[in-house]
């Protein structure tokens, strides 16, 4: 008698193959999800760093014009600093005679810069008019480098009247890092020496 040849898989072989395939697909899916979280965390960190650096750059650029007095009138201070360092608002007002008319009353010659701890934003008003609206420069700026919920001052003068201002900016990611479930923070700072005279 001739033996019958078997074609195909038995039910047990099929179940074992399906189980191995499902385990492999589960591992691959888990790996893809983890890689996606890591990629998102890296993007969030890069965006947070860029936000801090851009904010610092804009503020320092304005602060470097402080005290510009081409006619040497000496009739205005370079800056006025925050009188109350205990509140959630850190501010500095910058004065510069950009159009050489011996005053700082024109647009962009008096700049009030504020860090608002309640809204985690940096705003400025490019006018000497106190009723003028503030423009939002940057969002997600907490200035809370240690994460304790209390913002540190953004502007720290070295003396009164100041000759040097240390500007510190701490940005925070808008959402927690998907891998650590904590907010990403990034702090940058710069010392700006104020001009004495031309």
Foldseek 3Di string as FASTA:
>chain_A
DDDDDDDDDDPVVVVVVVVVVVVVVVVVVVVVVVVVLVVVLVVLLVVQVVQQVVVQVVVLVLLQQFPAAQPPPPPDHQKDFDPDQQDQKGKMWGAHPPVNPRGQQDFQRIKIWIQHQVQQWIWMDRGPDPVDDIDTPGHQWNCCQPPPSHHGHQWDAPDVVGQKIKGKTKGWGPAARPVPRHIDIDMDIDIHGHDDYD
